[in-house]
């Protein structure tokens, strides 16, 4: 008897789950809408590949925190002095 073959895994250079997850984390800090888009892509790729979507969850969390910080900054007027014009 031979051992059962493991399921076909993607080559290391073709891992879109990790790529989308890392892009989601990076863009989650500076541009939260793109962070959410890449987190969704990472989640979908993880489902296709049968992997855990840990990076997607992290990207969602960072994007959500950035969104909350943006809302608080706008609501408190913290960004009002950043228009570039001096009065």
N, C-alpha and C. Protein backbone atom coordinates (compact mmCIF):
# COMPACT_ATOMS: atom_id res chain seq x y z
N UNK A 1 0.83 -1.18 0.00
CA UNK A 1 0.00 0.00 0.00
C UNK A 1 0.87 1.24 0.00
N UNK A 2 0.44 2.20 -0.77
CA UNK A 2 1.17 3.46 -0.79
C UNK A 2 0.38 4.51 -0.01
N UNK A 3 1.13 5.50 0.47
CA UNK A 3 0.49 6.58 1.22
C UNK A 3 -0.34 7.44 0.28
N UNK A 4 -1.46 7.97 0.76
CA UNK A 4 -2.28 8.82 -0.12
C UNK A 4 -1.53 10.10 -0.47
N UNK A 5 -1.75 10.56 -1.68
CA UNK A 5 -1.09 11.78 -2.14
C UNK A 5 -1.76 13.00 -1.51
N UNK A 6 -0.95 13.98 -1.10
CA UNK A 6 -1.55 15.20 -0.56
C UNK A 6 -2.23 15.98 -1.68
N UNK A 7 -3.20 16.84 -1.32
CA UNK A 7 -3.85 17.63 -2.37
C UNK A 7 -2.84 18.55 -3.05
N UNK A 8 -3.09 18.81 -4.32
CA UNK A 8 -2.16 19.64 -5.09
C UNK A 8 -2.13 21.04 -4.50
N UNK A 9 -0.94 21.47 -4.13
CA UNK A 9 -0.77 22.80 -3.56
C UNK A 9 -0.23 23.74 -4.63
N UNK A 10 -0.54 25.00 -4.47
CA UNK A 10 -0.02 25.97 -5.41
C UNK A 10 1.47 26.15 -5.16
N UNK A 11 2.23 26.43 -6.21
CA UNK A 11 3.64 26.71 -6.01
C UNK A 11 3.82 27.94 -5.14
N UNK A 12 4.95 28.02 -4.44
CA UNK A 12 5.19 29.12 -3.51
C UNK A 12 5.17 30.48 -4.21
N UNK A 13 5.59 30.53 -5.45
CA UNK A 13 5.62 31.79 -6.16
C UNK A 13 4.26 32.23 -6.68
N UNK A 14 3.24 31.40 -6.53
CA UNK A 14 1.92 31.71 -7.07
C UNK A 14 0.87 31.73 -5.96
N UNK A 15 1.23 32.24 -4.80
CA UNK A 15 0.35 32.25 -3.65
C UNK A 15 -0.39 33.59 -3.58
N UNK A 16 -1.57 33.65 -4.19
CA UNK A 16 -2.32 34.90 -4.23
C UNK A 16 -2.96 35.22 -2.90
N UNK A 17 -3.22 34.22 -2.06
CA UNK A 17 -3.80 34.49 -0.75
C UNK A 17 -2.89 35.37 0.08
N UNK A 18 -1.62 35.03 0.12
CA UNK A 18 -0.66 35.82 0.87
C UNK A 18 -0.47 37.19 0.23
N UNK A 19 -0.39 37.23 -1.08
CA UNK A 19 -0.21 38.50 -1.78
C UNK A 19 -1.34 39.46 -1.47
N UNK A 20 -2.60 39.01 -1.65
CA UNK A 20 -3.73 39.89 -1.39
C UNK A 20 -3.81 40.26 0.08
N UNK A 21 -3.49 39.34 0.97
CA UNK A 21 -3.53 39.63 2.40
C UNK A 21 -2.52 40.68 2.81
N UNK A 22 -1.30 40.56 2.30
CA UNK A 22 -0.26 41.55 2.63
C UNK A 22 -0.62 42.90 2.03
N UNK A 23 -1.11 42.92 0.80
CA UNK A 23 -1.53 44.19 0.20
C UNK A 23 -2.68 44.80 0.99
N UNK A 24 -3.59 43.98 1.48
CA UNK A 24 -4.69 44.48 2.29
C UNK A 24 -4.20 45.11 3.58
N UNK A 25 -3.19 44.50 4.20
CA UNK A 25 -2.63 45.06 5.44
C UNK A 25 -1.93 46.38 5.15
N UNK A 26 -1.12 46.41 4.11
CA UNK A 26 -0.36 47.63 3.79
C UNK A 26 -1.31 48.77 3.45
N UNK A 27 -2.28 48.51 2.56
CA UNK A 27 -3.20 49.56 2.17
C UNK A 27 -4.21 49.87 3.27
N UNK A 28 -4.40 48.96 4.21
CA UNK A 28 -5.29 49.23 5.33
C UNK A 28 -4.80 50.39 6.17
N UNK A 29 -3.49 50.58 6.24
CA UNK A 29 -2.92 51.68 7.02
C UNK A 29 -3.11 53.03 6.32
N UNK A 30 -2.90 53.07 5.03
CA UNK A 30 -2.87 54.37 4.35
C UNK A 30 -4.12 54.67 3.54
N UNK A 31 -4.81 53.66 3.05
CA UNK A 31 -5.99 53.87 2.21
C UNK A 31 -6.98 52.74 2.52
N UNK A 32 -7.81 52.94 3.55
CA UNK A 32 -8.63 51.84 4.04
C UNK A 32 -9.59 51.24 3.02
N UNK A 33 -10.12 52.00 2.03
CA UNK A 33 -10.99 51.32 1.05
C UNK A 33 -10.23 50.26 0.24
N UNK A 34 -9.01 50.57 -0.14
CA UNK A 34 -8.22 49.56 -0.86
C UNK A 34 -7.87 48.39 0.04
N UNK A 35 -7.64 48.66 1.32
CA UNK A 35 -7.38 47.59 2.27
C UNK A 35 -8.53 46.61 2.35
N UNK A 36 -9.75 47.13 2.33
CA UNK A 36 -10.94 46.27 2.36
C UNK A 36 -11.05 45.45 1.08
N UNK A 37 -10.78 46.10 -0.06
CA UNK A 37 -10.86 45.39 -1.34
C UNK A 37 -9.86 44.22 -1.37
N UNK A 38 -8.62 44.48 -0.96
CA UNK A 38 -7.62 43.41 -0.98
C UNK A 38 -7.92 42.35 0.08
N UNK A 39 -8.53 42.73 1.20
CA UNK A 39 -8.91 41.74 2.21
C UNK A 39 -9.99 40.82 1.66
N UNK A 40 -10.92 41.38 0.90
CA UNK A 40 -11.96 40.54 0.28
C UNK A 40 -11.34 39.59 -0.73
N UNK A 41 -10.40 40.09 -1.53
CA UNK A 41 -9.71 39.22 -2.49
C UNK A 41 -8.95 38.10 -1.77
N UNK A 42 -8.29 38.44 -0.65
CA UNK A 42 -7.57 37.43 0.13
C UNK A 42 -8.52 36.39 0.69
N UNK A 43 -9.69 36.83 1.16
CA UNK A 43 -10.67 35.91 1.71
C UNK A 43 -11.16 34.94 0.64
N UNK A 44 -11.46 35.46 -0.55
CA UNK A 44 -11.93 34.60 -1.64
C UNK A 44 -10.87 33.61 -2.07
N UNK A 45 -9.61 34.06 -2.19
CA UNK A 45 -8.52 33.15 -2.58
C UNK A 45 -8.29 32.08 -1.52
N UNK A 46 -8.42 32.45 -0.25
CA UNK A 46 -8.23 31.47 0.82
C UNK A 46 -9.30 30.39 0.75
N UNK A 47 -10.52 30.78 0.45
CA UNK A 47 -11.60 29.79 0.31
C UNK A 47 -11.33 28.85 -0.85
N UNK A 48 -10.85 29.41 -1.98
CA UNK A 48 -10.55 28.58 -3.15
C UNK A 48 -9.43 27.60 -2.86
N UNK A 49 -8.37 28.08 -2.18
CA UNK A 49 -7.19 27.26 -1.93
C UNK A 49 -7.33 26.38 -0.70
N UNK A 50 -8.37 26.58 0.08
CA UNK A 50 -8.55 25.78 1.29
C UNK A 50 -7.61 26.19 2.40
N UNK A 51 -7.21 27.44 2.41
CA UNK A 51 -6.30 27.95 3.44
C UNK A 51 -7.07 28.75 4.48
N UNK A 52 -6.41 29.02 5.59
CA UNK A 52 -7.01 29.86 6.61
C UNK A 52 -6.85 31.32 6.19
N UNK A 53 -7.90 32.13 6.30
CA UNK A 53 -7.84 33.53 5.85
C UNK A 53 -7.34 34.49 6.93
N UNK A 54 -6.28 34.12 7.63
CA UNK A 54 -5.77 34.93 8.73
C UNK A 54 -5.35 36.32 8.26
N UNK A 55 -4.61 36.42 7.17
CA UNK A 55 -4.17 37.72 6.68
C UNK A 55 -5.36 38.58 6.26
N UNK A 56 -6.39 37.98 5.74
CA UNK A 56 -7.59 38.73 5.37
C UNK A 56 -8.24 39.32 6.62
N UNK A 57 -8.32 38.55 7.70
CA UNK A 57 -8.90 39.05 8.94
C UNK A 57 -8.07 40.21 9.49
N UNK A 58 -6.75 40.09 9.43
CA UNK A 58 -5.89 41.17 9.90
C UNK A 58 -6.08 42.42 9.05
N UNK A 59 -6.18 42.24 7.74
CA UNK A 59 -6.39 43.38 6.84
C UNK A 59 -7.73 44.05 7.13
N UNK A 60 -8.78 43.26 7.37
CA UNK A 60 -10.07 43.84 7.72
C UNK A 60 -9.97 44.64 9.01
N UNK A 61 -9.28 44.11 10.00
CA UNK A 61 -9.16 44.80 11.29
C UNK A 61 -8.41 46.12 11.14
N UNK A 62 -7.31 46.10 10.42
CA UNK A 62 -6.52 47.33 10.24
C UNK A 62 -7.31 48.36 9.45
N UNK A 63 -8.01 47.93 8.41
CA UNK A 63 -8.83 48.86 7.63
C UNK A 63 -9.95 49.45 8.48
N UNK A 64 -10.55 48.63 9.34
CA UNK A 64 -11.62 49.12 10.21
C UNK A 64 -11.09 50.14 11.21
N UNK A 65 -9.92 49.88 11.78
CA UNK A 65 -9.31 50.82 12.71
C UNK A 65 -8.97 52.12 12.00
N UNK A 66 -8.45 52.03 10.78
CA UNK A 66 -8.14 53.24 10.01
C UNK A 66 -9.41 54.03 9.69
N UNK A 67 -10.49 53.34 9.39
CA UNK A 67 -11.76 54.00 9.13
C UNK A 67 -12.24 54.75 10.36
N UNK A 68 -12.18 54.11 11.52
CA UNK A 68 -12.61 54.74 12.76
C UNK A 68 -11.75 55.96 13.07
N UNK A 69 -10.44 55.84 12.89
CA UNK A 69 -9.54 56.98 13.13
C UNK A 69 -9.86 58.12 12.16
N UNK A 70 -10.15 57.80 10.91
CA UNK A 70 -10.52 58.83 9.93
C UNK A 70 -11.80 59.55 10.34
N UNK A 71 -12.79 58.79 10.76
CA UNK A 71 -14.06 59.39 11.18
C UNK A 71 -13.85 60.29 12.39
N UNK A 72 -13.09 59.82 13.36
CA UNK A 72 -12.82 60.64 14.55
C UNK A 72 -12.05 61.89 14.19
N UNK A 73 -11.07 61.77 13.30
CA UNK A 73 -10.28 62.94 12.88
C UNK A 73 -11.14 63.97 12.18
N UNK A 74 -12.05 63.52 11.33
CA UNK A 74 -12.93 64.46 10.63
C UNK A 74 -13.93 65.09 11.59
N UNK A 75 -14.47 64.28 12.50
CA UNK A 75 -15.47 64.78 13.43
C UNK A 75 -14.90 65.79 14.42
N UNK A 76 -13.66 65.61 14.81
CA UNK A 76 -13.05 66.53 15.77
C UNK A 76 -12.39 67.71 15.12
N UNK A 77 -12.31 67.73 13.81
CA UNK A 77 -11.67 68.84 13.10
C UNK A 77 -10.15 68.77 13.12
N UNK A 78 -9.62 67.63 13.40
CA UNK A 78 -8.16 67.48 13.47
C UNK A 78 -7.51 67.67 12.11
N UNK A 79 -8.25 67.46 11.05
CA UNK A 79 -7.69 67.59 9.71
C UNK A 79 -7.98 68.95 9.09
N UNK A 80 -8.67 69.85 9.79
CA UNK A 80 -9.07 71.12 9.21
C UNK A 80 -7.88 72.04 8.93
N UNK A 81 -6.79 71.91 9.66
CA UNK A 81 -5.63 72.76 9.46
C UNK A 81 -4.67 72.24 8.42
N UNK A 82 -5.02 71.17 7.72
CA UNK A 82 -4.11 70.56 6.77
C UNK A 82 -4.42 70.94 5.33
N UNK A 83 -5.15 72.03 5.10
CA UNK A 83 -5.53 72.40 3.73
C UNK A 83 -4.37 72.99 2.94
N UNK A 84 -3.34 73.43 3.61
CA UNK A 84 -2.17 73.96 2.90
C UNK A 84 -2.19 75.46 2.73
N UNK A 85 -3.28 76.10 3.09
CA UNK A 85 -3.34 77.56 2.96
C UNK A 85 -3.21 78.17 4.34
N UNK A 86 -2.43 79.19 4.42
CA UNK A 86 -2.22 79.90 5.68
C UNK A 86 -3.14 81.12 5.73
N UNK A 87 -3.78 81.34 6.85
CA UNK A 87 -4.66 82.51 6.99
C UNK A 87 -4.17 83.40 8.07
